[in-house]
C-alpha atoms as a PDB file:
ATOM      1  CA  MET A   1      99.900  93.756  99.901  1.00  0.00           C
ATOM      2  CA  THR A   2      99.971  93.587 103.653  1.00  0.00           C
ATOM      3  CA  ALA A   3      98.318  95.391 106.531  1.00  0.00           C
ATOM      4  CA  VAL A   4      98.469  95.759 110.280  1.00  0.00           C
ATOM      5  CA  SER A   5      95.208  93.941 110.999  1.00  0.00           C
ATOM      6  CA  ASN A   6      92.752  91.571 109.381  1.00  0.00           C
ATOM      7  CA  ASP A   7      90.061  94.006 108.275  1.00  0.00           C
ATOM      8  CA  GLY A   8      89.834  92.758 104.676  1.00  0.00           C
ATOM      9  CA  SER A   9      90.932  96.032 103.084  1.00  0.00           C
ATOM     10  CA  LYS A  10      94.214  94.625 101.763  1.00  0.00           C
ATOM     11  CA  SER A  11      92.426  91.792  99.968  1.00  0.00           C
ATOM     12  CA  SER A  12      89.953  94.215  98.401  1.00  0.00           C
ATOM     13  CA  VAL A  13      92.814  96.421  97.232  1.00  0.00           C
ATOM     14  CA  ALA A  14      94.681  93.389  95.839  1.00  0.00           C
ATOM     15  CA  SER A  15      91.581  92.203  93.978  1.00  0.00           C
ATOM     16  CA  ASN A  16      90.797  95.654  92.574  1.00  0.00           C
ATOM     17  CA  LEU A  17      94.402  96.232  91.523  1.00  0.00           C
ATOM     18  CA  ALA A  18      94.493  92.834  89.806  1.00  0.00           C
ATOM     19  CA  THR A  19      91.264  93.669  87.991  1.00  0.00           C
ATOM     20  CA  LEU A  20      92.712  96.983  86.759  1.00  0.00           C
ATOM     21  CA  TYR A  21      95.929  95.350  85.535  1.00  0.00           C
ATOM     22  CA  SER A  22      93.952  92.595  83.797  1.00  0.00           C
ATOM     23  CA  MET A  23      91.592  95.044  82.129  1.00  0.00           C
ATOM     24  CA  SER A  24      94.596  96.931  80.771  1.00  0.00           C
ATOM     25  CA  GLY A  25      95.686  93.757  78.985  1.00  0.00           C
ATOM     26  CA  LEU A  26      98.278  92.394  81.403  1.00  0.00           C
ATOM     27  CA  LYS A  27      98.170  88.701  82.327  1.00  0.00           C
ATOM     28  CA  THR A  28      97.667  88.903  86.108  1.00  0.00           C
ATOM     29  CA  LEU A  29      97.935  86.383  88.933  1.00  0.00           C
ATOM     30  CA  VAL A  30      96.907  86.903  92.556  1.00  0.00           C
ATOM     31  CA  ILE A  31      98.511  84.632  95.143  1.00  0.00           C
ATOM     32  CA  ASP A  32      96.538  84.329  98.371  1.00  0.00           C
ATOM     33  CA  ALA A  33      99.514  84.039 100.710  1.00  0.00           C
ATOM     34  CA  ASP A  34      97.518  84.794 103.861  1.00  0.00           C
ATOM     35  CA  ILE A  35      97.299  81.171 104.973  1.00  0.00           C
ATOM     36  CA  ARG A  36      95.842  81.882 108.428  1.00  0.00           C
ATOM     37  CA  ARG A  37      92.997  84.148 107.282  1.00  0.00           C
ATOM     38  CA  PRO A  38      92.504  83.635 103.551  1.00  0.00           C
ATOM     39  CA  THR A  39      90.032  86.104 102.114  1.00  0.00           C
ATOM     40  CA  MET A  40      90.954  85.880  98.447  1.00  0.00           C
ATOM     41  CA  THR A  41      90.159  82.188  98.016  1.00  0.00           C
ATOM     42  CA  PRO A  42      86.837  81.424  99.610  1.00  0.00           C
ATOM     43  CA  SER A  43      84.511  79.641  97.213  1.00  0.00           C
ATOM     44  CA  ARG A  44      82.860  82.922  96.206  1.00  0.00           C
ATOM     45  CA  LEU A  45      86.028  84.070  94.422  1.00  0.00           C
ATOM     46  CA  LEU A  46      87.164  80.794  92.893  1.00  0.00           C
ATOM     47  CA  SER A  47      85.642  79.480  89.710  1.00  0.00           C
ATOM     48  CA  GLN A  48      83.347  76.500  89.912  1.00  0.00           C
ATOM     49  CA  SER A  49      86.262  74.172  89.140  1.00  0.00           C
ATOM     50  CA  GLY A  50      86.306  72.860  92.697  1.00  0.00           C
ATOM     51  CA  ALA A  51      89.989  73.739  92.966  1.00  0.00           C
ATOM     52  CA  LEU A  52      89.819  73.937  96.752  1.00  0.00           C
ATOM     53  CA  ASP A  53      88.601  70.339  96.925  1.00  0.00           C
ATOM     54  CA  LEU A  54      91.431  68.930  94.813  1.00  0.00           C
ATOM     55  CA  PRO A  55      94.704  67.829  96.322  1.00  0.00           C
ATOM     56  CA  CYS A  56      97.572  70.187  95.610  1.00  0.00           C
ATOM     57  CA  GLN A  57      99.026  69.308  92.227  1.00  0.00           C
ATOM     58  CA  ASP A  58     102.655  69.426  91.230  1.00  0.00           C
ATOM     59  CA  PRO A  59     103.961  71.552  89.641  1.00  0.00           C
ATOM     60  CA  VAL A  60     102.364  74.349  91.626  1.00  0.00           C
ATOM     61  CA  ARG A  61     101.267  76.276  88.518  1.00  0.00           C
ATOM     62  CA  LEU A  62      98.701  73.521  87.813  1.00  0.00           C
ATOM     63  CA  ASN A  63      96.784  74.773  90.878  1.00  0.00           C
ATOM     64  CA  ILE A  64      96.202  78.220  89.372  1.00  0.00           C
ATOM     65  CA  VAL A  65      92.554  78.828  88.463  1.00  0.00           C
ATOM     66  CA  ARG A  66      90.503  81.707  87.076  1.00  0.00           C
ATOM     67  CA  ALA A  67      88.891  83.851  89.778  1.00  0.00           C
ATOM     68  CA  ALA A  68      85.114  83.647  89.396  1.00  0.00           C
ATOM     69  CA  GLY A  69      83.704  86.710  87.685  1.00  0.00           C
ATOM     70  CA  ARG A  70      87.129  88.350  87.571  1.00  0.00           C
ATOM     71  CA  PRO A  71      89.624  88.821  84.728  1.00  0.00           C
ATOM     72  CA  PHE A  72      92.606  87.453  86.672  1.00  0.00           C
ATOM     73  CA  ASP A  73      93.909  84.094  87.864  1.00  0.00           C
ATOM     74  CA  ILE A  74      94.397  83.049  91.475  1.00  0.00           C
ATOM     75  CA  LEU A  75      96.506  80.611  93.457  1.00  0.00           C
ATOM     76  CA  SER A  76      94.740  79.503  96.636  1.00  0.00           C
ATOM     77  CA  SER A  77      96.101  79.814 100.136  1.00  0.00           C
ATOM     78  CA  SER A  78      95.797  76.048 100.584  1.00  0.00           C
ATOM     79  CA  THR A  79      98.351  75.536  97.800  1.00  0.00           C
ATOM     80  CA  VAL A  80     100.635  78.228  99.245  1.00  0.00           C
ATOM     81  CA  ASP A  81     100.489  76.416 102.581  1.00  0.00           C
ATOM     82  CA  ALA A  82     100.903  72.893 101.163  1.00  0.00           C
ATOM     83  CA  ARG A  83     103.926  73.894  99.081  1.00  0.00           C
ATOM     84  CA  HIS A  84     105.472  76.129 101.788  1.00  0.00           C
ATOM     85  CA  LEU A  85     105.575  79.103  99.417  1.00  0.00           C
ATOM     86  CA  LEU A  86     105.985  81.560 102.298  1.00  0.00           C
ATOM     87  CA  ALA A  87     109.599  80.388 102.477  1.00  0.00           C
ATOM     88  CA  PRO A  88     111.557  82.993 100.492  1.00  0.00           C
ATOM     89  CA  SER A  89     113.583  80.453  98.479  1.00  0.00           C
ATOM     90  CA  LYS A  90     110.466  78.544  97.408  1.00  0.00           C
ATOM     91  CA  MET A  91     108.546  81.712  96.513  1.00  0.00           C
ATOM     92  CA  GLU A  92     111.506  83.050  94.536  1.00  0.00           C
ATOM     93  CA  ALA A  93     111.753  79.802  92.544  1.00  0.00           C
ATOM     94  CA  PHE A  94     107.999  79.804  91.914  1.00  0.00           C
ATOM     95  CA  LEU A  95     107.956  83.441  90.751  1.00  0.00           C
ATOM     96  CA  SER A  96     110.878  82.741  88.409  1.00  0.00           C
ATOM     97  CA  GLU A  97     108.969  79.791  87.012  1.00  0.00           C
ATOM     98  CA  LEU A  98     105.902  81.972  86.361  1.00  0.00           C
ATOM     99  CA  ALA A  99     107.931  84.512  84.401  1.00  0.00           C
ATOM    100  CA  ALA A 100     109.824  81.936  82.360  1.00  0.00           C
ATOM    101  CA  SER A 101     109.520  82.476  78.633  1.00  0.00           C
ATOM    102  CA  ASP A 102     109.259  78.741  77.922  1.00  0.00           C
ATOM    103  CA  LEU A 103     105.859  78.567  79.647  1.00  0.00           C
ATOM    104  CA  ALA A 104     104.091  80.018  76.611  1.00  0.00           C
ATOM    105  CA  ALA A 105     105.737  77.418  74.390  1.00  0.00           C
ATOM    106  CA  ASN A 106     104.118  74.737  76.563  1.00  0.00           C
ATOM    107  CA  GLY A 107     100.692  76.386  76.442  1.00  0.00           C
ATOM    108  CA  LEU A 108     100.922  77.802  79.966  1.00  0.00           C
ATOM    109  CA  PRO A 109     100.549  81.525  80.646  1.00  0.00           C
ATOM    110  CA  ALA A 110     103.524  83.652  81.592  1.00  0.00           C
ATOM    111  CA  TYR A 111     102.317  86.372  83.947  1.00  0.00           C
ATOM    112  CA  ASP A 112     103.073  90.063  83.497  1.00  0.00           C
ATOM    113  CA  ILE A 113     101.969  90.963  87.040  1.00  0.00           C
ATOM    114  CA  VAL A 114     101.878  88.847  90.198  1.00  0.00           C
ATOM    115  CA  ILE A 115     100.179  90.292  93.289  1.00  0.00           C
ATOM    116  CA  LEU A 116     100.576  88.603  96.662  1.00  0.00           C
ATOM    117  CA  ASP A 117      97.944  89.052  99.336  1.00  0.00           C
ATOM    118  CA  LEU A 118     100.381  88.640 102.232  1.00  0.00           C
ATOM    119  CA  PRO A 119      99.633  87.854 105.869  1.00  0.00           C
ATOM    120  CA  THR A 120      99.139  90.784 108.225  1.00  0.00           C
ATOM    121  CA  LEU A 121     101.389  91.847 111.071  1.00  0.00           C
ATOM    122  CA  ALA A 122      98.801  90.304 113.409  1.00  0.00           C
ATOM    123  CA  SER A 123      99.617  86.882 111.892  1.00  0.00           C
ATOM    124  CA  GLY A 124     103.230  87.168 112.984  1.00  0.00           C
ATOM    125  CA  ALA A 125     106.423  88.623 111.596  1.00  0.00           C
ATOM    126  CA  ASP A 126     107.780  85.223 110.538  1.00  0.00           C
ATOM    127  CA  GLU A 127     105.171  85.004 107.775  1.00  0.00           C
ATOM    128  CA  LEU A 128     106.233  88.353 106.298  1.00  0.00           C
ATOM    129  CA  ILE A 129     109.815  87.294 105.573  1.00  0.00           C
ATOM    130  CA  VAL A 130     108.756  86.201 102.077  1.00  0.00           C
ATOM    131  CA  GLY A 131     108.639  89.920 101.228  1.00  0.00           C
ATOM    132  CA  SER A 132     112.419  89.881 100.925  1.00  0.00           C
ATOM    133  CA  VAL A 133     112.170  88.220  97.485  1.00  0.00           C
ATOM    134  CA  LEU A 134     109.458  90.535  96.145  1.00  0.00           C
ATOM    135  CA  ASP A 135     109.865  93.700  94.093  1.00  0.00           C
ATOM    136  CA  GLY A 136     108.042  95.529  96.848  1.00  0.00           C
ATOM    137  CA  VAL A 137     105.143  95.591  99.273  1.00  0.00           C
ATOM    138  CA  VAL A 138     102.257  98.032  99.574  1.00  0.00           C
ATOM    139  CA  ILE A 139     100.970  98.507 103.110  1.00  0.00           C
ATOM    140  CA  VAL A 140      97.207  99.009 103.336  1.00  0.00           C
ATOM    141  CA  ALA A 141      96.068 101.104 106.307  1.00  0.00           C
ATOM    142  CA  GLU A 142      92.489 101.903 107.218  1.00  0.00           C
ATOM    143  CA  TRP A 143      91.772 105.612 107.614  1.00  0.00           C
ATOM    144  CA  GLY A 144      90.895 106.519 111.190  1.00  0.00           C
ATOM    145  CA  LYS A 145      91.408 102.964 112.445  1.00  0.00           C
ATOM    146  CA  THR A 146      95.041 101.965 111.903  1.00  0.00           C
ATOM    147  CA  GLN A 147      97.188 103.297 114.730  1.00  0.00           C
ATOM    148  CA  VAL A 148     100.363 105.124 113.655  1.00  0.00           C
ATOM    149  CA  GLN A 149     102.430 103.256 116.257  1.00  0.00           C
ATOM    150  CA  THR A 150     101.278  99.872 114.915  1.00  0.00           C
ATOM    151  CA  LEU A 151     101.948 101.009 111.359  1.00  0.00           C
ATOM    152  CA  GLN A 152     105.474 101.988 112.409  1.00  0.00           C
ATOM    153  CA  GLU A 153     105.922  98.519 113.927  1.00  0.00           C
ATOM    154  CA  LEU A 154     104.905  96.932 110.612  1.00  0.00           C
ATOM    155  CA  VAL A 155     107.351  99.143 108.699  1.00  0.00           C
ATOM    156  CA  LYS A 156     110.171  98.180 111.093  1.00  0.00           C
ATOM    157  CA  THR A 157     109.276  94.495 110.723  1.00  0.00           C
ATOM    158  CA  LEU A 158     109.330  94.716 106.926  1.00  0.00           C
ATOM    159  CA  GLN A 159     112.623  96.607 106.997  1.00  0.00           C
ATOM    160  CA  ALA A 160     114.118  93.942 109.289  1.00  0.00           C
ATOM    161  CA  CYS A 161     113.022  91.333 106.733  1.00  0.00           C
ATOM    162  CA  ARG A 162     114.684  93.422 103.990  1.00  0.00           C
ATOM    163  CA  THR A 163     111.371  93.908 102.251  1.00  0.00           C
ATOM    164  CA  PRO A 164     111.172  96.883  99.878  1.00  0.00           C
ATOM    165  CA  ILE A 165     108.213  99.075 100.856  1.00  0.00           C
ATOM    166  CA  LEU A 166     106.535 100.764  97.891  1.00  0.00           C
ATOM    167  CA  GLY A 167     104.217 102.896  99.987  1.00  0.00           C
ATOM    168  CA  VAL A 168     101.153 103.066 102.187  1.00  0.00           C
ATOM    169  CA  LEU A 169      97.657 103.083 100.743  1.00  0.00           C
ATOM    170  CA  LEU A 170      94.876 104.555 102.875  1.00  0.00           C
ATOM    171  CA  ALA A 171      91.649 102.586 102.540  1.00  0.00           C
ATOM    172  CA  ARG A 172      88.113 103.598 103.461  1.00  0.00           C
ATOM    173  CA  VAL A 173      88.807 107.313 103.303  1.00  0.00           C
ATOM    174  CA  ARG A 174      85.586 109.267 103.210  1.00  0.00           C
ATOM    175  CA  ALA A 175      85.284 112.311 101.028  1.00  0.00           C
ATOM    176  CA  PRO A 176      84.307 115.457 102.898  1.00  0.00           C
ATOM    177  CA  LYS A 177      80.686 116.475 102.501  1.00  0.00           C
ATOM    178  CA  ARG A 178      80.116 119.452 100.281  1.00  0.00           C
ATOM    179  CA  ARG A 179      78.433 122.450 101.757  1.00  0.00           C
ATOM    180  CA  LYS A 180      75.371 123.661  99.981  1.00  0.00           C
ATOM    181  CA  ALA A 181      75.512 127.293  99.012  1.00  0.00           C
END
């Protein structure tokens, strides 16, 4: 998930999508890759394990914790930053590690779905290059607020990074009021 600006919609969409996947029985991980403005990993969303207070452990998968009150796991932005996971080669290696079949043999979960809450265009194009190793990116735009020209700039940036774009999701769309007969 990415967006043009930091309005929080993309993180809400990522969290809700992860919840839906988890409730359907898929082992789901959310990676808070927005290291400049993390909204997925404030203490309200992490379990009471104190994971944000611990130094980053190696291997990276040991830093994954259960999101508080949610049916999915989360990797904090502090770990993403400390391990330089926004570098495409490092993210690709980490994602391969998460899908490895030998994880289950060692008592560690293999994930069916991994959702990245990516930085926004406002954070800089250099942080979006990690999208090149992903299956695809969903752009979250806010109805009535996201400018078409800025959205086009984000699409061009993602295309320049060779990031597959899955589509655009419009957030905060209001249903029209029904007329009373």
